[in-house]
Protein backbone atom coordinates (compact mmCIF):
# COMPACT_ATOMS: atom_id res chain seq x y z
CA MET A 1 2.10 4.19 22.48
CA SER A 2 0.66 7.20 21.37
CA VAL A 3 -2.88 7.79 20.79
CA VAL A 4 -5.03 10.97 18.98
CA PRO A 5 -8.34 10.99 20.50
CA SER A 6 -11.04 10.98 18.40
CA SER A 7 -12.72 14.21 19.75
CA LEU A 8 -9.52 16.21 18.10
CA LEU A 9 -9.82 14.58 14.67
CA PRO A 10 -12.44 15.14 11.70
CA ALA A 11 -15.34 12.52 12.17
CA SER A 12 -14.02 11.13 9.16
CA ALA A 13 -10.90 10.44 10.70
CA VAL A 14 -9.24 7.18 12.68
CA PRO A 15 -7.01 7.82 15.83
CA ALA A 16 -3.53 7.55 14.99
CA PHE A 17 -2.38 4.36 17.04
CA ARG A 18 1.49 4.88 17.05
CA GLY A 19 3.11 2.39 19.15
CA ARG A 20 6.38 0.76 17.77
CA ILE A 21 8.27 -2.86 18.03
CA GLY A 22 11.52 -1.94 19.95
CA ARG A 23 14.78 -3.66 20.31
CA ASP A 24 14.40 -5.85 23.14
CA VAL A 25 12.77 -7.03 26.36
CA HIS A 26 13.15 -3.68 27.36
CA SER A 27 11.18 -1.72 24.68
CA GLY A 28 7.60 -3.06 25.81
CA HIS A 29 6.88 -3.78 22.67
CA TYR A 30 9.35 -6.13 20.92
CA ALA A 31 9.78 -9.19 18.36
CA VAL A 32 8.33 -12.11 19.91
CA PRO A 33 6.90 -14.91 17.64
CA HIS A 34 3.35 -15.54 17.92
CA ARG A 35 2.85 -12.33 20.19
CA TYR A 36 1.43 -9.73 17.47
CA ARG A 37 -1.15 -10.27 14.81
CA LEU A 38 -1.53 -8.55 11.60
CA HIS A 39 -4.69 -7.51 10.34
CA VAL A 40 -4.89 -6.17 6.73
CA ALA A 41 -7.56 -5.55 3.62
CA PRO A 42 -5.11 -6.14 0.82
CA TYR A 43 -7.26 -4.17 -1.69
CA ASP A 44 -6.16 -0.92 0.02
CA PRO A 45 -2.32 0.20 -1.28
CA GLY A 46 -1.30 0.31 1.84
CA CYS A 47 -2.71 -2.35 3.59
CA LEU A 48 -1.29 -4.36 0.25
CA SER A 49 1.79 -3.02 1.07
CA ILE A 50 1.56 -4.48 4.34
CA ALA A 51 0.64 -8.24 2.96
CA LEU A 52 3.71 -8.00 0.84
CA THR A 53 6.19 -7.14 3.13
CA HIS A 54 5.02 -9.72 5.53
CA SER A 55 5.14 -11.99 2.31
CA LEU A 56 8.74 -11.44 1.40
CA LEU A 57 9.81 -11.80 4.67
CA GLY A 58 8.32 -14.72 5.33
CA LEU A 59 6.52 -13.74 8.63
CA ASP A 60 3.30 -16.45 8.18
CA ASP A 61 5.06 -18.69 11.14
CA THR A 62 5.87 -16.10 13.55
CA LEU A 63 3.76 -13.32 12.87
CA PRO A 64 0.01 -14.56 11.71
CA LEU A 65 -1.87 -12.22 9.07
CA ALA A 66 -5.73 -12.16 9.10
CA VAL A 67 -7.31 -11.14 5.66
CA LEU A 68 -10.32 -9.03 5.95
CA PRO A 69 -13.12 -8.61 3.34
CA GLU A 70 -12.67 -5.54 0.78
CA THR A 71 -15.59 -4.44 1.79
CA THR A 72 -16.01 -3.29 5.08
CA ASP A 73 -19.28 -3.99 7.37
CA THR A 74 -20.49 -0.92 9.26
CA PRO A 75 -21.94 1.88 8.08
CA ASP A 76 -19.08 4.07 9.69
CA GLY A 77 -16.36 2.30 7.00
CA GLY A 78 -15.02 0.03 9.57
CA TYR A 79 -14.63 -3.86 10.42
CA THR A 80 -16.75 -5.30 12.90
CA ALA A 81 -13.75 -7.87 14.07
CA LEU A 82 -11.61 -4.98 14.39
CA ARG A 83 -14.00 -3.12 16.95
CA PRO A 84 -12.95 -4.84 20.61
CA LEU A 85 -9.25 -4.13 19.47
CA TYR A 86 -10.00 -0.45 18.90
CA GLU A 87 -12.37 -0.32 22.28
CA ALA A 88 -9.90 -1.97 24.04
CA SER A 89 -7.48 0.45 23.08
CA ALA A 90 -8.80 3.54 23.20
CA HIS A 91 -11.59 4.45 26.08
CA LEU A 92 -14.78 5.03 25.00
CA TYR A 93 -13.68 5.11 21.15
CA ASP A 94 -16.58 5.75 19.13
CA GLY A 95 -14.88 5.78 15.13
CA PRO A 96 -14.61 3.23 12.81
CA ALA A 97 -12.63 0.38 13.50
CA ALA A 98 -10.02 0.04 10.12
CA ALA A 99 -7.49 -1.60 8.42
CA PRO A 100 -4.53 -2.15 8.93
CA VAL A 101 -3.96 -3.38 12.31
CA LEU A 102 -0.76 -4.19 14.17
CA SER A 103 -2.68 -6.01 17.41
CA ASP A 104 -1.00 -7.42 20.61
CA GLY A 105 -1.99 -10.59 22.04
CA TRP A 106 -0.62 -10.58 25.11
CA THR A 107 -2.61 -7.60 26.00
CA GLY A 108 -5.68 -7.75 23.08
CA ARG A 109 -4.80 -3.89 22.37
CA ILE A 110 -3.46 -2.26 18.89
CA VAL A 111 0.05 -1.64 18.79
CA SER A 112 -0.32 0.41 15.79
CA THR A 113 -2.30 1.60 12.72
CA HIS A 114 0.12 3.80 11.14
CA VAL A 115 1.58 2.02 7.37
CA PRO A 116 4.99 3.53 7.50
CA ASP A 117 5.66 2.33 11.09
CA ILE A 118 4.25 -1.28 10.66
CA LEU A 119 6.36 -1.34 7.40
CA ARG A 120 9.61 -0.15 9.18
CA ASP A 121 8.72 -2.46 12.11
CA LEU A 122 8.22 -5.59 10.17
CA ALA A 123 11.12 -4.92 7.84
CA LEU A 124 13.63 -4.35 11.33
CA ARG A 125 12.17 -6.33 13.94
CA PHE A 126 10.75 -9.46 12.05
CA ARG A 127 13.12 -9.66 8.69
CA GLY A 128 14.46 -13.14 10.38
CA ASP A 129 15.81 -14.70 7.25
CA GLY A 130 14.25 -12.95 4.78
CA PRO A 131 15.59 -9.68 2.46
CA GLU A 132 17.23 -6.59 3.94
CA LEU A 133 14.10 -4.35 2.85
CA LEU A 134 15.76 -1.15 4.42
CA PRO A 135 19.45 -1.45 4.13
CA GLU A 136 21.11 1.72 6.42
CA GLY A 137 22.60 3.24 3.53
CA GLN A 138 19.78 2.85 1.07
CA ARG A 139 17.05 4.64 3.61
CA VAL A 140 16.96 7.72 2.08
CA GLU A 141 16.63 7.03 -1.50
CA ILE A 142 13.75 4.34 -0.07
CA GLU A 143 11.58 7.50 1.10
CA ALA A 144 12.14 9.79 -1.74
CA ILE A 145 10.81 6.61 -3.84
CA GLY A 146 8.01 6.22 -1.58
CA ASP A 147 7.18 10.15 -2.20
CA LEU A 148 7.67 10.20 -5.80
CA CYS A 149 5.35 7.08 -6.00
CA GLU A 150 2.60 8.81 -3.40
CA ARG A 151 3.00 12.34 -4.89
CA SER A 152 3.80 11.70 -8.43
CA VAL A 153 2.03 9.02 -9.79
CA ASN A 154 -1.08 8.01 -7.29
CA ARG A 155 -1.96 12.00 -6.36
CA ALA A 156 -1.16 12.95 -10.38
CA ALA A 157 -3.07 9.63 -11.88
CA GLN A 158 -6.14 10.86 -9.35
CA ARG A 159 -5.75 14.32 -9.83
CA ALA A 160 -5.89 14.18 -13.83
CA GLY A 161 -9.10 11.80 -14.08
CA GLU A 162 -10.92 14.32 -11.28
CA LEU A 163 -14.46 15.55 -12.32
CA GLY A 164 -14.83 19.12 -12.18
CA LEU A 165 -11.66 20.29 -12.85
CA ASP A 166 -12.01 23.20 -15.64
CA GLY A 167 -9.97 23.28 -18.70
CA GLU A 168 -7.36 21.26 -20.85
CA ALA A 169 -4.84 22.54 -18.44
CA ALA A 170 -6.00 21.06 -15.36
CA HIS A 171 -5.63 17.86 -16.51
CA ARG A 172 -2.76 18.36 -18.47
CA ASP A 173 -0.55 19.41 -15.71
CA PRO A 174 -0.84 16.40 -13.26
CA LEU A 175 -0.42 14.03 -16.32
CA GLY A 176 2.74 16.05 -16.98
CA VAL A 177 3.89 14.90 -13.71
CA LEU A 178 3.07 11.42 -13.61
CA PHE A 179 4.93 10.75 -17.06
CA SER A 180 8.06 12.25 -15.46
CA ALA A 181 7.67 10.12 -12.28
CA LEU A 182 7.14 6.95 -14.89
CA GLY A 183 10.18 8.45 -17.29
CA SER A 184 12.56 8.09 -13.73
CA LEU A 185 11.43 4.88 -12.80
CA GLU A 186 11.50 3.83 -16.12
CA ARG A 187 15.49 4.79 -16.43
CA ARG A 188 16.22 2.89 -12.93
CA LEU A 189 14.51 -0.37 -14.33
CA ALA A 190 16.52 0.09 -17.61
CA ARG A 191 19.70 -0.42 -15.78
CA HIS A 192 18.93 -2.67 -13.14
CA PRO A 193 16.59 -5.76 -11.96
CA TYR A 194 14.94 -3.76 -8.85
CA VAL A 195 13.97 -0.09 -8.17
CA LEU A 196 17.59 0.41 -6.01
CA GLY A 197 19.76 -2.52 -7.97
CA ASP A 198 20.40 -5.74 -8.08
CA ALA A 199 18.18 -6.70 -4.88
CA PRO A 200 14.45 -6.23 -4.04
CA THR A 201 14.04 -3.53 -1.02
CA ALA A 202 10.89 -1.73 0.52
CA ALA A 203 11.07 0.54 -2.84
CA ASP A 204 10.12 -2.45 -5.12
CA VAL A 205 6.61 -3.22 -2.52
CA GLN A 206 6.14 0.81 -2.93
CA VAL A 207 6.73 0.67 -6.56
CA TRP A 208 4.42 -2.51 -7.68
CA VAL A 209 1.77 -1.53 -5.62
CA THR A 210 1.96 1.90 -7.37
CA LEU A 211 1.52 0.10 -10.66
CA VAL A 212 -0.86 -1.98 -9.62
CA GLN A 213 -3.04 0.65 -8.54
CA LEU A 214 -2.15 2.46 -12.02
CA ASP A 215 -2.94 -0.22 -13.89
CA THR A 216 -6.17 -1.43 -11.90
CA VAL A 217 -7.81 1.71 -10.59
CA HIS A 218 -6.36 4.94 -12.10
CA ARG A 219 -6.92 3.49 -15.78
CA TRP A 220 -10.21 3.86 -15.25
CA HIS A 221 -10.09 7.67 -14.98
CA LEU A 222 -7.61 8.08 -17.56
CA ASP A 223 -8.66 8.73 -21.30
CA ALA A 224 -6.99 6.20 -23.94
CA ALA A 225 -4.24 8.51 -25.09
CA ALA A 226 -3.05 8.85 -21.47
CA MET A 227 -2.95 5.08 -20.89
CA GLU A 228 -1.29 4.88 -24.60
CA ARG A 229 1.63 6.91 -23.17
CA VAL A 230 1.71 5.27 -19.36
CA ALA A 231 1.97 1.89 -21.84
CA GLY A 232 5.30 3.35 -23.13
CA TYR A 233 7.70 2.57 -20.29
CA PRO A 234 8.66 -0.80 -21.48
CA ALA A 235 11.27 -1.65 -18.35
CA LEU A 236 9.06 -0.48 -16.04
CA TRP A 237 6.13 -2.43 -17.39
CA ALA A 238 8.16 -6.00 -17.78
CA TYR A 239 9.26 -5.65 -14.21
CA ALA A 240 5.55 -5.22 -12.92
CA ARG A 241 5.03 -8.40 -14.94
CA ARG A 242 8.39 -10.05 -13.56
CA LEU A 243 7.09 -9.35 -10.11
CA ALA A 244 3.86 -10.28 -10.42
CA ALA A 245 5.00 -13.84 -11.50
CA ARG A 246 6.69 -14.43 -7.64
CA PRO A 247 4.21 -16.19 -5.37
CA GLU A 248 5.41 -13.75 -2.55
CA PHE A 249 3.60 -11.17 -4.72
CA ALA A 250 0.91 -12.96 -6.44
CA ARG A 251 -0.66 -14.67 -3.50
CA ARG A 252 -1.57 -11.58 -1.95
CA LEU A 253 -3.48 -9.78 -4.34
CA ASP A 254 -6.89 -10.39 -5.37
CA ILE A 255 -7.25 -7.88 -8.67
CA GLU A 256 -11.24 -8.68 -8.41
CA GLY A 257 -11.25 -7.47 -4.62
CA VAL A 258 -9.42 -4.33 -5.53
CA LEU A 259 -11.72 -3.53 -8.17
CA ARG A 260 -14.70 -3.82 -6.11
CA ARG A 261 -13.53 -1.68 -3.76
CA HIS A 262 -12.50 0.39 -6.50
CA ARG A 263 -16.17 1.13 -7.70
CA ALA A 264 -17.41 1.31 -4.07
CA HIS A 265 -15.30 4.09 -3.56
CA CYS A 266 -15.10 5.66 -7.11
CA ARG A 267 -15.73 9.53 -7.23
CA GLY A 268 -13.95 10.01 -10.64
CA ARG A 269 -14.58 10.24 -14.35
CA GLU A 270 -15.09 6.90 -16.58
CA ALA A 271 -12.75 7.82 -19.57
CA ALA A 272 -12.19 5.35 -22.71
CA GLY A 273 -8.84 4.14 -21.12
CA ALA A 274 -10.50 1.96 -18.95
CA ALA A 275 -10.33 -0.67 -22.02
CA ILE A 276 -6.76 -0.87 -21.83
CA ARG A 277 -4.70 -3.39 -19.64
CA LEU A 278 -1.07 -3.46 -19.44
CA VAL A 279 -0.43 -6.38 -17.03
CA ASP A 280 -2.18 -9.76 -16.48
CA TRP A 281 -1.58 -9.29 -12.34
CA SER A 282 -1.88 -13.46 -12.29
CA GLY A 283 1.50 -13.01 -13.58
CA THR A 284 1.54 -13.14 -17.41
CA THR A 285 1.61 -10.38 -19.60
CA ARG A 286 -1.75 -9.52 -21.43
């Protein structure tokens, strides 16, 4: 496992614990039932992705999952409950004890805090009888979908809603990127029930979490005209509602917790688009 010392990072950053789960006993960390534990605050997109993957794979009896509160309980933005793991894993650690954490019960130390690595290891090492979320022939495409969600939806929506941008074009340009990305997803979902075809993959976790963020967080910062255009992708939002009705998705989503977390961290503008809601995330249409 590699650890970036806190002295080499900005004060606001968390050391990147990057241990991996290997194929077998020779790997050091390998998949053993009940050896590991996940600690997540599923009001954060990365943690929610981990919780959904855990749920889809049916890992409740194999890999326990501890759900943390939506608001942190230490001044540096960490969790008191996670501090013993951080202190055991990095000498003289003085940064925030943040989620997510994949911990090793045999050593009492952290394996990883890195969301992409944790998601990949869940899908490849702990799959069991669950769906194949990372089919070998689709991994490049899944990575591309993840990049589309992060850069062209999340970042674009955030940029479009930021205060302090001068001129109409500063808001219009990121909205163009956002609508182009939503259109790309709409075309996919008009042809297939899932993003990459007839079966769910890790791409569906990424897209669904992104749509949750768009409809519960970013909508507060986009004006009514922008949100009306966001609503104009019927296949995309029908897909969001359909997955919201599945227990594997619904059981891990706490919308009130997401909103409380957002209000605690929000730095964007409050706009008229907040009144428009596209999905009842309890699993029914609005």
